[in-house]
PDB file of N, CA and C in Angstrom:
ATOM      1  N   MET A   1      24.020 -52.198 -25.979  1.00  0.00           N
ATOM      2  CA  MET A   1      22.714 -51.597 -25.788  1.00  0.00           C
ATOM      3  C   MET A   1      22.416 -51.581 -24.297  1.00  0.00           C
ATOM      4  N   ASP A   2      21.825 -50.488 -23.847  1.00  0.00           N
ATOM      5  CA  ASP A   2      21.439 -50.342 -22.448  1.00  0.00           C
ATOM      6  C   ASP A   2      20.335 -51.363 -22.125  1.00  0.00           C
ATOM      7  N   PRO A   3      20.503 -52.162 -21.080  1.00  0.00           N
ATOM      8  CA  PRO A   3      19.488 -53.179 -20.768  1.00  0.00           C
ATOM      9  C   PRO A   3      18.151 -52.577 -20.361  1.00  0.00           C
ATOM     10  N   HIS A   4      18.144 -51.308 -19.932  1.00  0.00           N
ATOM     11  CA  HIS A   4      16.897 -50.667 -19.508  1.00  0.00           C
ATOM     12  C   HIS A   4      16.190 -49.950 -20.657  1.00  0.00           C
ATOM     13  N   LEU A   5      16.768 -50.002 -21.849  1.00  0.00           N
ATOM     14  CA  LEU A   5      16.224 -49.274 -22.990  1.00  0.00           C
ATOM     15  C   LEU A   5      15.426 -50.224 -23.880  1.00  0.00           C
ATOM     16  N   ASN A   6      14.242 -49.800 -24.215  1.00  0.00           N
ATOM     17  CA  ASN A   6      13.379 -50.553 -25.110  1.00  0.00           C
ATOM     18  C   ASN A   6      14.040 -50.606 -26.499  1.00  0.00           C
ATOM     19  N   PRO A   7      14.004 -51.716 -27.211  1.00  0.00           N
ATOM     20  CA  PRO A   7      14.626 -51.780 -28.547  1.00  0.00           C
ATOM     21  C   PRO A   7      14.096 -50.724 -29.514  1.00  0.00           C
ATOM     22  N   ASP A   8      12.825 -50.363 -29.417  1.00  0.00           N
ATOM     23  CA  ASP A   8      12.287 -49.302 -30.284  1.00  0.00           C
ATOM     24  C   ASP A   8      12.906 -47.950 -29.935  1.00  0.00           C
ATOM     25  N   ASP A   9      13.068 -47.699 -28.642  1.00  0.00           N
ATOM     26  CA  ASP A   9      13.702 -46.447 -28.215  1.00  0.00           C
ATOM     27  C   ASP A   9      15.161 -46.409 -28.667  1.00  0.00           C
ATOM     28  N   TYR A  10      15.823 -47.545 -28.561  1.00  0.00           N
ATOM     29  CA  TYR A  10      17.223 -47.634 -28.997  1.00  0.00           C
ATOM     30  C   TYR A  10      17.323 -47.320 -30.492  1.00  0.00           C
ATOM     31  N   GLN A  11      16.437 -47.924 -31.280  1.00  0.00           N
ATOM     32  CA  GLN A  11      16.451 -47.685 -32.727  1.00  0.00           C
ATOM     33  C   GLN A  11      16.147 -46.227 -33.039  1.00  0.00           C
ATOM     34  N   ARG A  12      15.225 -45.629 -32.308  1.00  0.00           N
ATOM     35  CA  ARG A  12      14.879 -44.227 -32.508  1.00  0.00           C
ATOM     36  C   ARG A  12      16.078 -43.328 -32.196  1.00  0.00           C
ATOM     37  N   LEU A  13      16.765 -43.609 -31.089  1.00  0.00           N
ATOM     38  CA  LEU A  13      17.953 -42.827 -30.736  1.00  0.00           C
ATOM     39  C   LEU A  13      19.061 -43.000 -31.773  1.00  0.00           C
ATOM     40  N   ARG A  14      19.223 -44.217 -32.253  1.00  0.00           N
ATOM     41  CA  ARG A  14      20.251 -44.501 -33.250  1.00  0.00           C
ATOM     42  C   ARG A  14      19.954 -43.754 -34.552  1.00  0.00           C
ATOM     43  N   ASP A  15      18.714 -43.772 -34.970  1.00  0.00           N
ATOM     44  CA  ASP A  15      18.322 -43.048 -36.184  1.00  0.00           C
ATOM     45  C   ASP A  15      18.528 -41.547 -36.022  1.00  0.00           C
ATOM     46  N   ALA A  16      18.180 -41.022 -34.849  1.00  0.00           N
ATOM     47  CA  ALA A  16      18.368 -39.588 -34.585  1.00  0.00           C
ATOM     48  C   ALA A  16      19.860 -39.238 -34.616  1.00  0.00           C
ATOM     49  N   ALA A  17      20.682 -40.106 -34.061  1.00  0.00           N
ATOM     50  CA  ALA A  17      22.128 -39.866 -34.065  1.00  0.00           C
ATOM     51  C   ALA A  17      22.676 -39.887 -35.488  1.00  0.00           C
ATOM     52  N   GLN A  18      22.191 -40.806 -36.310  1.00  0.00           N
ATOM     53  CA  GLN A  18      22.645 -40.866 -37.697  1.00  0.00           C
ATOM     54  C   GLN A  18      22.213 -39.615 -38.474  1.00  0.00           C
ATOM     55  N   ARG A  19      20.987 -39.166 -38.248  1.00  0.00           N
ATOM     56  CA  ARG A  19      20.527 -37.944 -38.914  1.00  0.00           C
ATOM     57  C   ARG A  19      21.365 -36.740 -38.496  1.00  0.00           C
ATOM     58  N   HIS A  20      21.675 -36.702 -37.207  1.00  0.00           N
ATOM     59  CA  HIS A  20      22.492 -35.597 -36.706  1.00  0.00           C
ATOM     60  C   HIS A  20      23.900 -35.648 -37.325  1.00  0.00           C
ATOM     61  N   ALA A  21      24.464 -36.839 -37.446  1.00  0.00           N
ATOM     62  CA  ALA A  21      25.791 -36.987 -38.054  1.00  0.00           C
ATOM     63  C   ALA A  21      25.775 -36.553 -39.519  1.00  0.00           C
ATOM     64  N   VAL A  22      24.726 -36.913 -40.246  1.00  0.00           N
ATOM     65  CA  VAL A  22      24.607 -36.500 -41.647  1.00  0.00           C
ATOM     66  C   VAL A  22      24.488 -34.976 -41.729  1.00  0.00           C
ATOM     67  N   HIS A  23      23.718 -34.400 -40.827  1.00  0.00           N
ATOM     68  CA  HIS A  23      23.563 -32.944 -40.805  1.00  0.00           C
ATOM     69  C   HIS A  23      24.918 -32.269 -40.544  1.00  0.00           C
ATOM     70  N   LEU A  24      25.670 -32.773 -39.571  1.00  0.00           N
ATOM     71  CA  LEU A  24      26.979 -32.190 -39.263  1.00  0.00           C
ATOM     72  C   LEU A  24      27.934 -32.339 -40.439  1.00  0.00           C
ATOM     73  N   ARG A  25      27.883 -33.472 -41.109  1.00  0.00           N
ATOM     74  CA  ARG A  25      28.748 -33.703 -42.259  1.00  0.00           C
ATOM     75  C   ARG A  25      28.423 -32.720 -43.379  1.00  0.00           C
ATOM     76  N   ARG A  26      27.148 -32.533 -43.659  1.00  0.00           N
ATOM     77  CA  ARG A  26      26.742 -31.575 -44.705  1.00  0.00           C
ATOM     78  C   ARG A  26      27.157 -30.157 -44.338  1.00  0.00           C
ATOM     79  N   GLU A  27      26.982 -29.819 -43.079  1.00  0.00           N
ATOM     80  CA  GLU A  27      27.362 -28.481 -42.621  1.00  0.00           C
ATOM     81  C   GLU A  27      28.871 -28.273 -42.769  1.00  0.00           C
ATOM     82  N   ALA A  28      29.643 -29.296 -42.433  1.00  0.00           N
ATOM     83  CA  ALA A  28      31.102 -29.191 -42.559  1.00  0.00           C
ATOM     84  C   ALA A  28      31.515 -29.040 -44.021  1.00  0.00           C
ATOM     85  N   ILE A  29      30.872 -29.766 -44.909  1.00  0.00           N
ATOM     86  CA  ILE A  29      31.177 -29.655 -46.340  1.00  0.00           C
ATOM     87  C   ILE A  29      30.824 -28.265 -46.843  1.00  0.00           C
ATOM     88  N   HIS A  30      29.677 -27.751 -46.419  1.00  0.00           N
ATOM     89  CA  HIS A  30      29.261 -26.409 -46.822  1.00  0.00           C
ATOM     90  C   HIS A  30      30.268 -25.363 -46.334  1.00  0.00           C
ATOM     91  N   GLU A  31      30.695 -25.476 -45.089  1.00  0.00           N
ATOM     92  CA  GLU A  31      31.662 -24.521 -44.541  1.00  0.00           C
ATOM     93  C   GLU A  31      33.007 -24.635 -45.243  1.00  0.00           C
ATOM     94  N   ALA A  32      33.396 -25.858 -45.605  1.00  0.00           N
ATOM     95  CA  ALA A  32      34.664 -26.032 -46.319  1.00  0.00           C
ATOM     96  C   ALA A  32      34.596 -25.372 -47.690  1.00  0.00           C
ATOM     97  N   HIS A  33      33.490 -25.539 -48.389  1.00  0.00           N
ATOM     98  CA  HIS A  33      33.335 -24.892 -49.692  1.00  0.00           C
ATOM     99  C   HIS A  33      33.370 -23.375 -49.545  1.00  0.00           C
ATOM    100  N   ALA A  34      32.708 -22.860 -48.525  1.00  0.00           N
ATOM    101  CA  ALA A  34      32.706 -21.410 -48.303  1.00  0.00           C
ATOM    102  C   ALA A  34      34.114 -20.913 -47.989  1.00  0.00           C
ATOM    103  N   TRP A  35      34.883 -21.701 -47.219  1.00  0.00           N
ATOM    104  CA  TRP A  35      36.255 -21.328 -46.861  1.00  0.00           C
ATOM    105  C   TRP A  35      37.124 -21.268 -48.112  1.00  0.00           C
ATOM    106  N   VAL A  36      36.987 -22.259 -48.984  1.00  0.00           N
ATOM    107  CA  VAL A  36      37.761 -22.286 -50.227  1.00  0.00           C
ATOM    108  C   VAL A  36      37.364 -21.105 -51.117  1.00  0.00           C
ATOM    109  N   ALA A  37      36.076 -20.834 -51.210  1.00  0.00           N
ATOM    110  CA  ALA A  37      35.610 -19.720 -52.031  1.00  0.00           C
ATOM    111  C   ALA A  37      36.152 -18.392 -51.511  1.00  0.00           C
ATOM    112  N   ARG A  38      36.118 -18.212 -50.188  1.00  0.00           N
ATOM    113  CA  ARG A  38      36.664 -16.963 -49.614  1.00  0.00           C
ATOM    114  C   ARG A  38      38.159 -16.859 -49.907  1.00  0.00           C
ATOM    115  N   GLY A  39      38.869 -17.962 -49.835  1.00  0.00           N
ATOM    116  CA  GLY A  39      40.300 -17.949 -50.137  1.00  0.00           C
ATOM    117  C   GLY A  39      40.570 -17.572 -51.583  1.00  0.00           C
ATOM    118  N   LEU A  40      39.768 -18.101 -52.502  1.00  0.00           N
ATOM    119  CA  LEU A  40      39.948 -17.761 -53.913  1.00  0.00           C
ATOM    120  C   LEU A  40      39.637 -16.290 -54.176  1.00  0.00           C
ATOM    121  N   VAL A  41      38.597 -15.781 -53.537  1.00  0.00           N
ATOM    122  CA  VAL A  41      38.260 -14.360 -53.700  1.00  0.00           C
ATOM    123  C   VAL A  41      39.386 -13.499 -53.146  1.00  0.00           C
ATOM    124  N   ARG A  42      39.907 -13.867 -51.990  1.00  0.00           N
ATOM    125  CA  ARG A  42      41.000 -13.101 -51.375  1.00  0.00           C
ATOM    126  C   ARG A  42      42.239 -13.124 -52.273  1.00  0.00           C
ATOM    127  N   LEU A  43      42.562 -14.288 -52.818  1.00  0.00           N
ATOM    128  CA  LEU A  43      43.713 -14.411 -53.702  1.00  0.00           C
ATOM    129  C   LEU A  43      43.519 -13.577 -54.962  1.00  0.00           C
ATOM    130  N   THR A  44      42.333 -13.620 -55.541  1.00  0.00           N
ATOM    131  CA  THR A  44      42.044 -12.838 -56.740  1.00  0.00           C
ATOM    132  C   THR A  44      42.183 -11.352 -56.465  1.00  0.00           C
ATOM    133  N   ARG A  45      41.675 -10.923 -55.320  1.00  0.00           N
ATOM    134  CA  ARG A  45      41.796  -9.492 -54.967  1.00  0.00           C
ATOM    135  C   ARG A  45      43.256  -9.088 -54.819  1.00  0.00           C
ATOM    136  N   ARG A  46      44.050  -9.956 -54.189  1.00  0.00           N
ATOM    137  CA  ARG A  46      45.474  -9.624 -54.017  1.00  0.00           C
ATOM    138  C   ARG A  46      46.182  -9.533 -55.353  1.00  0.00           C
ATOM    139  N   VAL A  47      45.896 -10.470 -56.261  1.00  0.00           N
ATOM    140  CA  VAL A  47      46.527 -10.440 -57.579  1.00  0.00           C
ATOM    141  C   VAL A  47      46.120  -9.179 -58.328  1.00  0.00           C
ATOM    142  N   LEU A  48      44.821  -8.875 -58.332  1.00  0.00           N
ATOM    143  CA  LEU A  48      44.362  -7.669 -59.027  1.00  0.00           C
ATOM    144  C   LEU A  48      44.955  -6.413 -58.403  1.00  0.00           C
ATOM    145  N   HIS A  49      45.046  -6.395 -57.093  1.00  0.00           N
ATOM    146  CA  HIS A  49      45.621  -5.232 -56.414  1.00  0.00           C
ATOM    147  C   HIS A  49      47.097  -5.081 -56.783  1.00  0.00           C
ATOM    148  N   SER A  50      47.829  -6.184 -56.825  1.00  0.00           N
ATOM    149  CA  SER A  50      49.252  -6.088 -57.170  1.00  0.00           C
ATOM    150  C   SER A  50      49.432  -5.649 -58.619  1.00  0.00           C
ATOM    151  N   LEU A  51      48.556  -6.107 -59.513  1.00  0.00           N
ATOM    152  CA  LEU A  51      48.639  -5.671 -60.903  1.00  0.00           C
ATOM    153  C   LEU A  51      48.318  -4.185 -61.023  1.00  0.00           C
ATOM    154  N   ARG A  52      47.355  -3.737 -60.252  1.00  0.00           N
ATOM    155  CA  ARG A  52      46.968  -2.329 -60.290  1.00  0.00           C
ATOM    156  C   ARG A  52      48.100  -1.455 -59.761  1.00  0.00           C
ATOM    157  N   THR A  53      48.746  -1.870 -58.698  1.00  0.00           N
ATOM    158  CA  THR A  53      49.807  -1.039 -58.119  1.00  0.00           C
ATOM    159  C   THR A  53      51.049  -1.052 -58.994  1.00  0.00           C
ATOM    160  N   ARG A  54      51.295  -2.127 -59.738  1.00  0.00           N
ATOM    161  CA  ARG A  54      52.456  -2.154 -60.639  1.00  0.00           C
ATOM    162  C   ARG A  54      52.249  -1.208 -61.820  1.00  0.00           C
ATOM    163  N   SER A  55      51.020  -1.084 -62.290  1.00  0.00           N
ATOM    164  CA  SER A  55      50.771  -0.225 -63.442  1.00  0.00           C
ATOM    165  C   SER A  55      50.758   1.253 -63.052  1.00  0.00           C
ATOM    166  N   ALA A  56      50.576   1.552 -61.793  1.00  0.00           N
ATOM    167  CA  ALA A  56      50.586   2.944 -61.336  1.00  0.00           C
ATOM    168  C   ALA A  56      52.034   3.429 -61.266  1.00  0.00           C
ATOM    169  N   PRO A  57      52.256   4.705 -61.483  1.00  0.00           N
ATOM    170  CA  PRO A  57      53.635   5.219 -61.406  1.00  0.00           C
ATOM    171  C   PRO A  57      54.182   5.069 -59.992  1.00  0.00           C
ATOM    172  N   VAL A  58      55.468   4.750 -59.928  1.00  0.00           N
ATOM    173  CA  VAL A  58      56.100   4.531 -58.626  1.00  0.00           C
ATOM    174  C   VAL A  58      56.206   5.847 -57.873  1.00  0.00           C
ATOM    175  N   ASN A  59      56.567   6.909 -58.595  1.00  0.00           N
ATOM    176  CA  ASN A  59      56.715   8.216 -57.973  1.00  0.00           C
ATOM    177  C   ASN A  59      55.809   9.202 -58.716  1.00  0.00           C
ATOM    178  N   PRO A  60      54.623   9.475 -58.195  1.00  0.00           N
ATOM    179  CA  PRO A  60      53.692  10.345 -58.926  1.00  0.00           C
ATOM    180  C   PRO A  60      54.200  11.768 -59.110  1.00  0.00           C
ATOM    181  N   SER A  61      55.165  12.208 -58.304  1.00  0.00           N
ATOM    182  CA  SER A  61      55.638  13.589 -58.439  1.00  0.00           C
ATOM    183  C   SER A  61      56.455  13.771 -59.719  1.00  0.00           C
ATOM    184  N   THR A  62      56.908  12.682 -60.352  1.00  0.00           N
ATOM    185  CA  THR A  62      57.684  12.814 -61.583  1.00  0.00           C
ATOM    186  C   THR A  62      56.803  13.215 -62.753  1.00  0.00           C
ATOM    187  N   LEU A  63      55.497  13.176 -62.581  1.00  0.00           N
ATOM    188  CA  LEU A  63      54.603  13.560 -63.648  1.00  0.00           C
ATOM    189  C   LEU A  63      54.496  15.075 -63.792  1.00  0.00           C
ATOM    190  N   GLU A  64      54.997  15.815 -62.825  1.00  0.00           N
ATOM    191  CA  GLU A  64      54.928  17.283 -62.891  1.00  0.00           C
ATOM    192  C   GLU A  64      55.889  17.802 -63.950  1.00  0.00           C
ATOM    193  N   ALA A  65      55.502  18.866 -64.588  1.00  0.00           N
ATOM    194  CA  ALA A  65      56.354  19.460 -65.631  1.00  0.00           C
ATOM    195  C   ALA A  65      57.588  20.086 -64.991  1.00  0.00           C
ATOM    196  N   THR A  66      58.714  19.924 -65.674  1.00  0.00           N
ATOM    197  CA  THR A  66      59.955  20.488 -65.129  1.00  0.00           C
ATOM    198  C   THR A  66      60.034  21.987 -65.386  1.00  0.00           C
ATOM    199  N   THR A  67      59.388  22.444 -66.445  1.00  0.00           N
ATOM    200  CA  THR A  67      59.352  23.882 -66.722  1.00  0.00           C
ATOM    201  C   THR A  67      57.911  24.324 -66.649  1.00  0.00           C
ATOM    202  N   PRO A  68      57.667  25.507 -66.151  1.00  0.00           N
ATOM    203  CA  PRO A  68      56.280  25.960 -66.043  1.00  0.00           C
ATOM    204  C   PRO A  68      55.664  26.156 -67.419  1.00  0.00           C
ATOM    205  N   CYS A  69      54.414  25.954 -67.509  1.00  0.00           N
ATOM    206  CA  CYS A  69      53.689  26.136 -68.769  1.00  0.00           C
ATOM    207  C   CYS A  69      53.596  27.632 -69.096  1.00  0.00           C
ATOM    208  N   ARG A  70      53.649  27.930 -70.382  1.00  0.00           N
ATOM    209  CA  ARG A  70      53.493  29.326 -70.792  1.00  0.00           C
ATOM    210  C   ARG A  70      52.039  29.720 -70.638  1.00  0.00           C
ATOM    211  N   PRO A  71      51.771  30.907 -70.185  1.00  0.00           N
ATOM    212  CA  PRO A  71      50.383  31.350 -70.033  1.00  0.00           C
ATOM    213  C   PRO A  71      49.722  31.525 -71.400  1.00  0.00           C
ATOM    214  N   LEU A  72      48.446  31.234 -71.443  1.00  0.00           N
ATOM    215  CA  LEU A  72      47.689  31.400 -72.672  1.00  0.00           C
ATOM    216  C   LEU A  72      47.459  32.885 -72.931  1.00  0.00           C
ATOM    217  N   SER A  73      47.615  33.318 -74.162  1.00  0.00           N
ATOM    218  CA  SER A  73      47.418  34.747 -74.480  1.00  0.00           C
ATOM    219  C   SER A  73      46.044  34.990 -74.998  1.00  0.00           C
TER     220      SER A  73
END
């Protein structure tokens, strides 16, 4: 303890430091949860995108008819 610091002032500073540490800890936990959530959303999007692209035809031009359609009479 600083010899020039009043014990009440020291206690006040210590309490303020503890409150600040608790605030930083809560903020870090909140950011970690948000980071994990963003990662899960990103992973889900990638999986859904890969499933969507697998179900789509690889070569869309193969869907064209090989012989022209007969005109309607």
